[in-house]
Every structure is written in C-alpha cells, then in structure tokens.
PDB file of N, CA and C in Angstrom:
ATOM      1  N   MET A   1      25.869 -46.819  14.997  1.00  0.00           N
ATOM      2  CA  MET A   1      25.348 -46.244  16.207  1.00  0.00           C
ATOM      3  C   MET A   1      23.841 -46.103  16.112  1.00  0.00           C
ATOM      4  N   ASN A   2      23.211 -46.255  17.259  1.00  0.00           N
ATOM      5  CA  ASN A   2      21.767 -46.124  17.321  1.00  0.00           C
ATOM      6  C   ASN A   2      21.421 -44.950  18.230  1.00  0.00           C
ATOM      7  N   PHE A   3      20.977 -43.865  17.645  1.00  0.00           N
ATOM      8  CA  PHE A   3      20.590 -42.688  18.414  1.00  0.00           C
ATOM      9  C   PHE A   3      19.076 -42.676  18.547  1.00  0.00           C
ATOM     10  N   SER A   4      18.602 -42.353  19.735  1.00  0.00           N
ATOM     11  CA  SER A   4      17.161 -42.237  19.915  1.00  0.00           C
ATOM     12  C   SER A   4      16.829 -40.824  20.377  1.00  0.00           C
ATOM     13  N   LEU A   5      15.715 -40.339  19.901  1.00  0.00           N
ATOM     14  CA  LEU A   5      15.253 -39.018  20.289  1.00  0.00           C
ATOM     15  C   LEU A   5      14.575 -39.113  21.650  1.00  0.00           C
ATOM     16  N   PRO A   6      14.633 -38.056  22.449  1.00  0.00           N
ATOM     17  CA  PRO A   6      13.935 -38.093  23.731  1.00  0.00           C
ATOM     18  C   PRO A   6      12.430 -38.222  23.509  1.00  0.00           C
ATOM     19  N   ALA A   7      11.776 -38.944  24.400  1.00  0.00           N
ATOM     20  CA  ALA A   7      10.332 -39.128  24.295  1.00  0.00           C
ATOM     21  C   ALA A   7       9.623 -37.795  24.516  1.00  0.00           C
ATOM     22  N   VAL A   8       8.508 -37.618  23.854  1.00  0.00           N
ATOM     23  CA  VAL A   8       7.699 -36.415  24.024  1.00  0.00           C
ATOM     24  C   VAL A   8       6.872 -36.591  25.293  1.00  0.00           C
ATOM     25  N   ASP A   9       6.937 -35.619  26.192  1.00  0.00           N
ATOM     26  CA  ASP A   9       6.132 -35.642  27.413  1.00  0.00           C
ATOM     27  C   ASP A   9       4.878 -34.820  27.148  1.00  0.00           C
ATOM     28  N   PRO A  10       3.703 -35.457  27.073  1.00  0.00           N
ATOM     29  CA  PRO A  10       2.484 -34.715  26.763  1.00  0.00           C
ATOM     30  C   PRO A  10       2.073 -33.715  27.844  1.00  0.00           C
ATOM     31  N   CYS A  11       2.701 -33.786  29.016  1.00  0.00           N
ATOM     32  CA  CYS A  11       2.384 -32.852  30.113  1.00  0.00           C
ATOM     33  C   CYS A  11       3.292 -31.628  30.121  1.00  0.00           C
ATOM     34  N   ARG A  12       4.228 -31.554  29.184  1.00  0.00           N
ATOM     35  CA  ARG A  12       5.185 -30.442  29.122  1.00  0.00           C
ATOM     36  C   ARG A  12       5.036 -29.684  27.808  1.00  0.00           C
ATOM     37  N   CYS A  13       5.184 -28.385  27.885  1.00  0.00           N
ATOM     38  CA  CYS A  13       5.142 -27.537  26.696  1.00  0.00           C
ATOM     39  C   CYS A  13       6.346 -27.865  25.815  1.00  0.00           C
ATOM     40  N   PRO A  14       6.125 -28.127  24.538  1.00  0.00           N
ATOM     41  CA  PRO A  14       7.245 -28.448  23.654  1.00  0.00           C
ATOM     42  C   PRO A  14       8.135 -27.247  23.335  1.00  0.00           C
ATOM     43  N   LEU A  15       7.710 -26.043  23.722  1.00  0.00           N
ATOM     44  CA  LEU A  15       8.511 -24.846  23.458  1.00  0.00           C
ATOM     45  C   LEU A  15       9.394 -24.462  24.632  1.00  0.00           C
ATOM     46  N   CYS A  16       8.840 -24.499  25.854  1.00  0.00           N
ATOM     47  CA  CYS A  16       9.621 -24.054  27.019  1.00  0.00           C
ATOM     48  C   CYS A  16       9.918 -25.163  28.023  1.00  0.00           C
ATOM     49  N   GLY A  17       9.227 -26.292  27.915  1.00  0.00           N
ATOM     50  CA  GLY A  17       9.471 -27.413  28.817  1.00  0.00           C
ATOM     51  C   GLY A  17       8.719 -27.351  30.138  1.00  0.00           C
ATOM     52  N   GLN A  18       7.961 -26.278  30.362  1.00  0.00           N
ATOM     53  CA  GLN A  18       7.182 -26.160  31.600  1.00  0.00           C
ATOM     54  C   GLN A  18       5.875 -26.955  31.470  1.00  0.00           C
ATOM     55  N   SER A  19       5.196 -27.147  32.602  1.00  0.00           N
ATOM     56  CA  SER A  19       3.907 -27.836  32.583  1.00  0.00           C
ATOM     57  C   SER A  19       2.949 -27.088  31.663  1.00  0.00           C
ATOM     58  N   ASN A  20       2.187 -27.843  30.876  1.00  0.00           N
ATOM     59  CA  ASN A  20       1.232 -27.201  29.976  1.00  0.00           C
ATOM     60  C   ASN A  20      -0.206 -27.286  30.494  1.00  0.00           C
ATOM     61  N   ALA A  21      -0.403 -27.922  31.654  1.00  0.00           N
ATOM     62  CA  ALA A  21      -1.734 -28.064  32.260  1.00  0.00           C
ATOM     63  C   ALA A  21      -2.732 -28.686  31.288  1.00  0.00           C
ATOM     64  N   CYS A  22      -2.278 -29.631  30.502  1.00  0.00           N
ATOM     65  CA  CYS A  22      -3.131 -30.279  29.505  1.00  0.00           C
ATOM     66  C   CYS A  22      -4.105 -31.243  30.173  1.00  0.00           C
ATOM     67  N   ALA A  23      -5.387 -30.988  30.008  1.00  0.00           N
ATOM     68  CA  ALA A  23      -6.410 -31.854  30.594  1.00  0.00           C
ATOM     69  C   ALA A  23      -6.407 -33.234  29.950  1.00  0.00           C
ATOM     70  N   MET A  24      -6.088 -33.313  28.683  1.00  0.00           N
ATOM     71  CA  MET A  24      -6.097 -34.599  27.991  1.00  0.00           C
ATOM     72  C   MET A  24      -4.923 -35.483  28.410  1.00  0.00           C
ATOM     73  N   ALA A  25      -3.830 -34.887  28.849  1.00  0.00           N
ATOM     74  CA  ALA A  25      -2.658 -35.654  29.263  1.00  0.00           C
ATOM     75  C   ALA A  25      -2.718 -36.043  30.732  1.00  0.00           C
ATOM     76  N   THR A  26      -3.640 -35.431  31.487  1.00  0.00           N
ATOM     77  CA  THR A  26      -3.773 -35.725  32.903  1.00  0.00           C
ATOM     78  C   THR A  26      -4.551 -37.021  33.059  1.00  0.00           C
ATOM     79  N   PRO A  27      -3.976 -37.998  33.756  1.00  0.00           N
ATOM     80  CA  PRO A  27      -4.684 -39.270  33.908  1.00  0.00           C
ATOM     81  C   PRO A  27      -5.939 -39.109  34.761  1.00  0.00           C
ATOM     82  N   ALA A  28      -6.863 -40.037  34.593  1.00  0.00           N
ATOM     83  CA  ALA A  28      -8.071 -40.041  35.419  1.00  0.00           C
ATOM     84  C   ALA A  28      -7.661 -40.101  36.883  1.00  0.00           C
ATOM     85  N   THR A  29      -8.439 -39.466  37.751  1.00  0.00           N
ATOM     86  CA  THR A  29      -8.058 -39.369  39.155  1.00  0.00           C
ATOM     87  C   THR A  29      -8.408 -40.606  39.963  1.00  0.00           C
ATOM     88  N   THR A  30      -9.427 -41.339  39.558  1.00  0.00           N
ATOM     89  CA  THR A  30      -9.809 -42.542  40.290  1.00  0.00           C
ATOM     90  C   THR A  30     -10.259 -43.607  39.319  1.00  0.00           C
ATOM     91  N   VAL A  31     -10.418 -44.810  39.835  1.00  0.00           N
ATOM     92  CA  VAL A  31     -10.911 -45.918  39.027  1.00  0.00           C
ATOM     93  C   VAL A  31     -12.215 -46.381  39.654  1.00  0.00           C
ATOM     94  N   GLY A  32     -13.183 -46.732  38.839  1.00  0.00           N
ATOM     95  CA  GLY A  32     -14.449 -47.238  39.354  1.00  0.00           C
ATOM     96  C   GLY A  32     -15.446 -46.127  39.595  1.00  0.00           C
ATOM     97  N   VAL A  33     -16.271 -46.309  40.623  1.00  0.00           N
ATOM     98  CA  VAL A  33     -17.312 -45.335  40.940  1.00  0.00           C
ATOM     99  C   VAL A  33     -16.677 -43.984  41.233  1.00  0.00           C
ATOM    100  N   GLY A  34     -17.177 -42.958  40.620  1.00  0.00           N
ATOM    101  CA  GLY A  34     -16.644 -41.614  40.822  1.00  0.00           C
ATOM    102  C   GLY A  34     -15.416 -41.311  39.984  1.00  0.00           C
ATOM    103  N   ALA A  35     -15.071 -42.207  39.061  1.00  0.00           N
ATOM    104  CA  ALA A  35     -13.895 -41.986  38.220  1.00  0.00           C
ATOM    105  C   ALA A  35     -14.084 -40.735  37.381  1.00  0.00           C
ATOM    106  N   THR A  36     -13.010 -40.058  37.130  1.00  0.00           N
ATOM    107  CA  THR A  36     -13.065 -38.869  36.289  1.00  0.00           C
ATOM    108  C   THR A  36     -12.236 -39.091  35.041  1.00  0.00           C
ATOM    109  N   ALA A  37     -12.811 -38.776  33.923  1.00  0.00           N
ATOM    110  CA  ALA A  37     -12.093 -38.859  32.651  1.00  0.00           C
ATOM    111  C   ALA A  37     -11.554 -37.477  32.337  1.00  0.00           C
ATOM    112  N   PRO A  38     -10.491 -37.421  31.559  1.00  0.00           N
ATOM    113  CA  PRO A  38      -9.972 -36.101  31.197  1.00  0.00           C
ATOM    114  C   PRO A  38     -11.017 -35.320  30.413  1.00  0.00           C
ATOM    115  N   GLY A  39     -11.094 -34.048  30.687  1.00  0.00           N
ATOM    116  CA  GLY A  39     -12.027 -33.183  29.975  1.00  0.00           C
ATOM    117  C   GLY A  39     -11.328 -32.519  28.810  1.00  0.00           C
ATOM    118  N   PRO A  40     -12.026 -31.644  28.115  1.00  0.00           N
ATOM    119  CA  PRO A  40     -11.372 -30.937  27.012  1.00  0.00           C
ATOM    120  C   PRO A  40     -10.256 -30.036  27.545  1.00  0.00           C
ATOM    121  N   CYS A  41      -9.203 -29.948  26.815  1.00  0.00           N
ATOM    122  CA  CYS A  41      -8.042 -29.148  27.223  1.00  0.00           C
ATOM    123  C   CYS A  41      -8.348 -27.658  27.071  1.00  0.00           C
ATOM    124  N   TRP A  42      -7.741 -26.854  27.934  1.00  0.00           N
ATOM    125  CA  TRP A  42      -7.898 -25.392  27.863  1.00  0.00           C
ATOM    126  C   TRP A  42      -7.502 -24.870  26.482  1.00  0.00           C
ATOM    127  N   CYS A  43      -6.566 -25.569  25.834  1.00  0.00           N
ATOM    128  CA  CYS A  43      -6.052 -25.064  24.557  1.00  0.00           C
ATOM    129  C   CYS A  43      -7.072 -25.153  23.431  1.00  0.00           C
ATOM    130  N   THR A  44      -8.162 -25.883  23.662  1.00  0.00           N
ATOM    131  CA  THR A  44      -9.200 -25.933  22.627  1.00  0.00           C
ATOM    132  C   THR A  44      -9.938 -24.607  22.519  1.00  0.00           C
ATOM    133  N   ARG A  45      -9.716 -23.713  23.495  1.00  0.00           N
ATOM    134  CA  ARG A  45     -10.358 -22.393  23.488  1.00  0.00           C
ATOM    135  C   ARG A  45      -9.382 -21.292  23.067  1.00  0.00           C
ATOM    136  N   VAL A  46      -8.274 -21.686  22.457  1.00  0.00           N
ATOM    137  CA  VAL A  46      -7.244 -20.729  22.057  1.00  0.00           C
ATOM    138  C   VAL A  46      -6.989 -20.866  20.566  1.00  0.00           C
ATOM    139  N   HIS A  47      -6.792 -19.738  19.907  1.00  0.00           N
ATOM    140  CA  HIS A  47      -6.363 -19.748  18.509  1.00  0.00           C
ATOM    141  C   HIS A  47      -4.863 -19.475  18.496  1.00  0.00           C
ATOM    142  N   PHE A  48      -4.079 -20.459  18.066  1.00  0.00           N
ATOM    143  CA  PHE A  48      -2.626 -20.314  17.990  1.00  0.00           C
ATOM    144  C   PHE A  48      -2.240 -19.812  16.605  1.00  0.00           C
ATOM    145  N   SER A  49      -1.299 -18.886  16.565  1.00  0.00           N
ATOM    146  CA  SER A  49      -0.830 -18.374  15.276  1.00  0.00           C
ATOM    147  C   SER A  49      -0.023 -19.455  14.561  1.00  0.00           C
ATOM    148  N   ALA A  50       0.015 -19.365  13.255  1.00  0.00           N
ATOM    149  CA  ALA A  50       0.816 -20.307  12.471  1.00  0.00           C
ATOM    150  C   ALA A  50       2.284 -20.216  12.864  1.00  0.00           C
ATOM    151  N   ASP A  51       2.744 -19.010  13.215  1.00  0.00           N
ATOM    152  CA  ASP A  51       4.146 -18.822  13.602  1.00  0.00           C
ATOM    153  C   ASP A  51       4.517 -19.660  14.814  1.00  0.00           C
ATOM    154  N   VAL A  52       3.666 -19.654  15.851  1.00  0.00           N
ATOM    155  CA  VAL A  52       3.997 -20.417  17.056  1.00  0.00           C
ATOM    156  C   VAL A  52       3.878 -21.918  16.789  1.00  0.00           C
ATOM    157  N   LEU A  53       2.922 -22.319  15.985  1.00  0.00           N
ATOM    158  CA  LEU A  53       2.768 -23.745  15.696  1.00  0.00           C
ATOM    159  C   LEU A  53       3.959 -24.301  14.925  1.00  0.00           C
ATOM    160  N   THR A  54       4.555 -23.505  14.058  1.00  0.00           N
ATOM    161  CA  THR A  54       5.722 -23.991  13.314  1.00  0.00           C
ATOM    162  C   THR A  54       6.955 -24.120  14.199  1.00  0.00           C
ATOM    163  N   GLN A  55       6.934 -23.500  15.389  1.00  0.00           N
ATOM    164  CA  GLN A  55       8.058 -23.623  16.325  1.00  0.00           C
ATOM    165  C   GLN A  55       8.045 -24.952  17.083  1.00  0.00           C
ATOM    166  N   VAL A  56       6.902 -25.634  17.094  1.00  0.00           N
ATOM    167  CA  VAL A  56       6.799 -26.911  17.805  1.00  0.00           C
ATOM    168  C   VAL A  56       7.603 -27.956  17.036  1.00  0.00           C
ATOM    169  N   PRO A  57       8.517 -28.653  17.726  1.00  0.00           N
ATOM    170  CA  PRO A  57       9.296 -29.686  17.037  1.00  0.00           C
ATOM    171  C   PRO A  57       8.380 -30.738  16.402  1.00  0.00           C
ATOM    172  N   GLU A  58       8.770 -31.226  15.257  1.00  0.00           N
ATOM    173  CA  GLU A  58       7.978 -32.213  14.512  1.00  0.00           C
ATOM    174  C   GLU A  58       7.534 -33.375  15.402  1.00  0.00           C
ATOM    175  N   ALA A  59       8.425 -33.889  16.229  1.00  0.00           N
ATOM    176  CA  ALA A  59       8.113 -35.046  17.078  1.00  0.00           C
ATOM    177  C   ALA A  59       7.026 -34.755  18.103  1.00  0.00           C
ATOM    178  N   ALA A  60       6.835 -33.486  18.466  1.00  0.00           N
ATOM    179  CA  ALA A  60       5.853 -33.125  19.495  1.00  0.00           C
ATOM    180  C   ALA A  60       4.518 -32.663  18.915  1.00  0.00           C
ATOM    181  N   ARG A  61       4.444 -32.496  17.611  1.00  0.00           N
ATOM    182  CA  ARG A  61       3.205 -32.001  17.001  1.00  0.00           C
ATOM    183  C   ARG A  61       2.071 -32.998  17.203  1.00  0.00           C
ATOM    184  N   ASN A  62       0.940 -32.482  17.653  1.00  0.00           N
ATOM    185  CA  ASN A  62      -0.251 -33.281  17.955  1.00  0.00           C
ATOM    186  C   ASN A  62      -0.026 -34.274  19.089  1.00  0.00           C
ATOM    187  N   LYS A  63       1.015 -34.041  19.892  1.00  0.00           N
ATOM    188  CA  LYS A  63       1.308 -34.923  21.024  1.00  0.00           C
ATOM    189  C   LYS A  63       1.445 -34.168  22.331  1.00  0.00           C
ATOM    190  N   ALA A  64       1.742 -32.873  22.287  1.00  0.00           N
ATOM    191  CA  ALA A  64       1.918 -32.073  23.503  1.00  0.00           C
ATOM    192  C   ALA A  64       1.402 -30.659  23.260  1.00  0.00           C
ATOM    193  N   CYS A  65       0.648 -30.151  24.233  1.00  0.00           N
ATOM    194  CA  CYS A  65       0.090 -28.795  24.134  1.00  0.00           C
ATOM    195  C   CYS A  65       1.139 -27.735  24.445  1.00  0.00           C
ATOM    196  N   ILE A  66       1.025 -26.615  23.789  1.00  0.00           N
ATOM    197  CA  ILE A  66       1.796 -25.424  24.134  1.00  0.00           C
ATOM    198  C   ILE A  66       1.189 -24.876  25.424  1.00  0.00           C
ATOM    199  N   CYS A  67       2.017 -24.407  26.354  1.00  0.00           N
ATOM    200  CA  CYS A  67       1.501 -23.880  27.626  1.00  0.00           C
ATOM    201  C   CYS A  67       0.856 -22.506  27.421  1.00  0.00           C
ATOM    202  N   ALA A  68       0.069 -22.088  28.415  1.00  0.00           N
ATOM    203  CA  ALA A  68      -0.633 -20.806  28.331  1.00  0.00           C
ATOM    204  C   ALA A  68       0.343 -19.637  28.234  1.00  0.00           C
ATOM    205  N   ALA A  69       1.472 -19.722  28.937  1.00  0.00           N
ATOM    206  CA  ALA A  69       2.449 -18.626  28.891  1.00  0.00           C
ATOM    207  C   ALA A  69       3.009 -18.460  27.480  1.00  0.00           C
ATOM    208  N   CYS A  70       3.358 -19.562  26.830  1.00  0.00           N
ATOM    209  CA  CYS A  70       3.876 -19.476  25.457  1.00  0.00           C
ATOM    210  C   CYS A  70       2.774 -19.043  24.492  1.00  0.00           C
ATOM    211  N   ALA A  71       1.546 -19.494  24.734  1.00  0.00           N
ATOM    212  CA  ALA A  71       0.425 -19.080  23.882  1.00  0.00           C
ATOM    213  C   ALA A  71       0.217 -17.576  23.987  1.00  0.00           C
ATOM    214  N   ARG A  72       0.237 -17.049  25.208  1.00  0.00           N
ATOM    215  CA  ARG A  72       0.049 -15.604  25.394  1.00  0.00           C
ATOM    216  C   ARG A  72       1.230 -14.824  24.815  1.00  0.00           C
ATOM    217  N   ALA A  73       2.443 -15.334  25.005  1.00  0.00           N
ATOM    218  CA  ALA A  73       3.634 -14.657  24.480  1.00  0.00           C
ATOM    219  C   ALA A  73       3.590 -14.575  22.957  1.00  0.00           C
ATOM    220  N   SER A  74       2.944 -15.563  22.334  1.00  0.00           N
ATOM    221  CA  SER A  74       2.851 -15.568  20.876  1.00  0.00           C
ATOM    222  C   SER A  74       1.605 -14.835  20.391  1.00  0.00           C
ATOM    223  N   LYS A  75       0.943 -14.152  21.339  1.00  0.00           N
ATOM    224  CA  LYS A  75      -0.275 -13.410  21.042  1.00  0.00           C
ATOM    225  C   LYS A  75      -1.417 -14.322  20.621  1.00  0.00           C
ATOM    226  N   GLY A  76      -1.477 -15.531  21.233  1.00  0.00           N
ATOM    227  CA  GLY A  76      -2.602 -16.428  20.999  1.00  0.00           C
ATOM    228  C   GLY A  76      -3.885 -15.779  21.479  1.00  0.00           C
ATOM    229  N   LYS A  77      -4.974 -16.022  20.804  1.00  0.00           N
ATOM    230  CA  LYS A  77      -6.273 -15.439  21.157  1.00  0.00           C
ATOM    231  C   LYS A  77      -7.067 -16.443  21.986  1.00  0.00           C
ATOM    232  N   PHE A  78      -7.325 -16.110  23.258  1.00  0.00           N
ATOM    233  CA  PHE A  78      -8.116 -16.942  24.150  1.00  0.00           C
ATOM    234  C   PHE A  78      -9.575 -16.537  24.040  1.00  0.00           C
ATOM    235  N   ASP A  79     -10.498 -17.506  24.169  1.00  0.00           N
ATOM    236  CA  ASP A  79     -11.923 -17.172  24.205  1.00  0.00           C
ATOM    237  C   ASP A  79     -12.147 -16.166  25.314  1.00  0.00           C
ATOM    238  N   GLY A  80     -12.882 -15.136  25.040  1.00  0.00           N
ATOM    239  CA  GLY A  80     -13.166 -14.111  26.031  1.00  0.00           C
ATOM    240  C   GLY A  80     -12.184 -12.954  26.009  1.00  0.00           C
ATOM    241  N   ASP A  81     -11.049 -13.106  25.329  1.00  0.00           N
ATOM    242  CA  ASP A  81     -10.110 -11.985  25.201  1.00  0.00           C
ATOM    243  C   ASP A  81     -10.735 -10.912  24.324  1.00  0.00           C
ATOM    244  N   ASN A  82     -10.399  -9.691  24.593  1.00  0.00           N
ATOM    245  CA  ASN A  82     -10.855  -8.599  23.726  1.00  0.00           C
ATOM    246  C   ASN A  82     -10.077  -8.629  22.431  1.00  0.00           C
ATOM    247  N   ALA A  83     -10.714  -8.277  21.348  1.00  0.00           N
ATOM    248  CA  ALA A  83     -10.075  -8.332  20.028  1.00  0.00           C
ATOM    249  C   ALA A  83      -8.956  -7.357  19.878  1.00  0.00           C
TER     250      ALA A  83
END
C-alpha cells in the first residue's frame, strides 16, 4: 500500500487549521507594473515559545505559520506587547 500524507497548506495554521494570514504565503496581487511581492510575515515580530513550536507537526515545520490566535493562546510575545 502507498499512503501519502496530506499536503501542508502554507496559508493555514498547522495547529488549528484556520487562516494564518501569512504574508509570505500570499501570492503577489498583480503581474507587471504595480506588482506587489509578499512582504515580511507578521510572525517575524513574534517570539514563539519552544512549547508551541514543538506542537507543530514535523511536516509543517518551516512551511506554515502559526496563526495569531494560537500564538496569543500560547503566550507568544508580540512586538509592542507589555512585558
């Protein structure tokens, strides 16, 4: 038998399956003049705990961002948050 794992969707949180609003996974909006390239992802401004990162399935690591809701639930530190 040949079993295949489901493909990782870079636009979905690997923990809850909801949209992760990843800027890097969002395709450019236009082609040619006025084209937009993906900008840095919001998650680059968040410090994720080791605990939440170990919950990400191996297949999704470095391929899909954790969503803001899961980051906040895991007590992730966002830039500008009070200590």
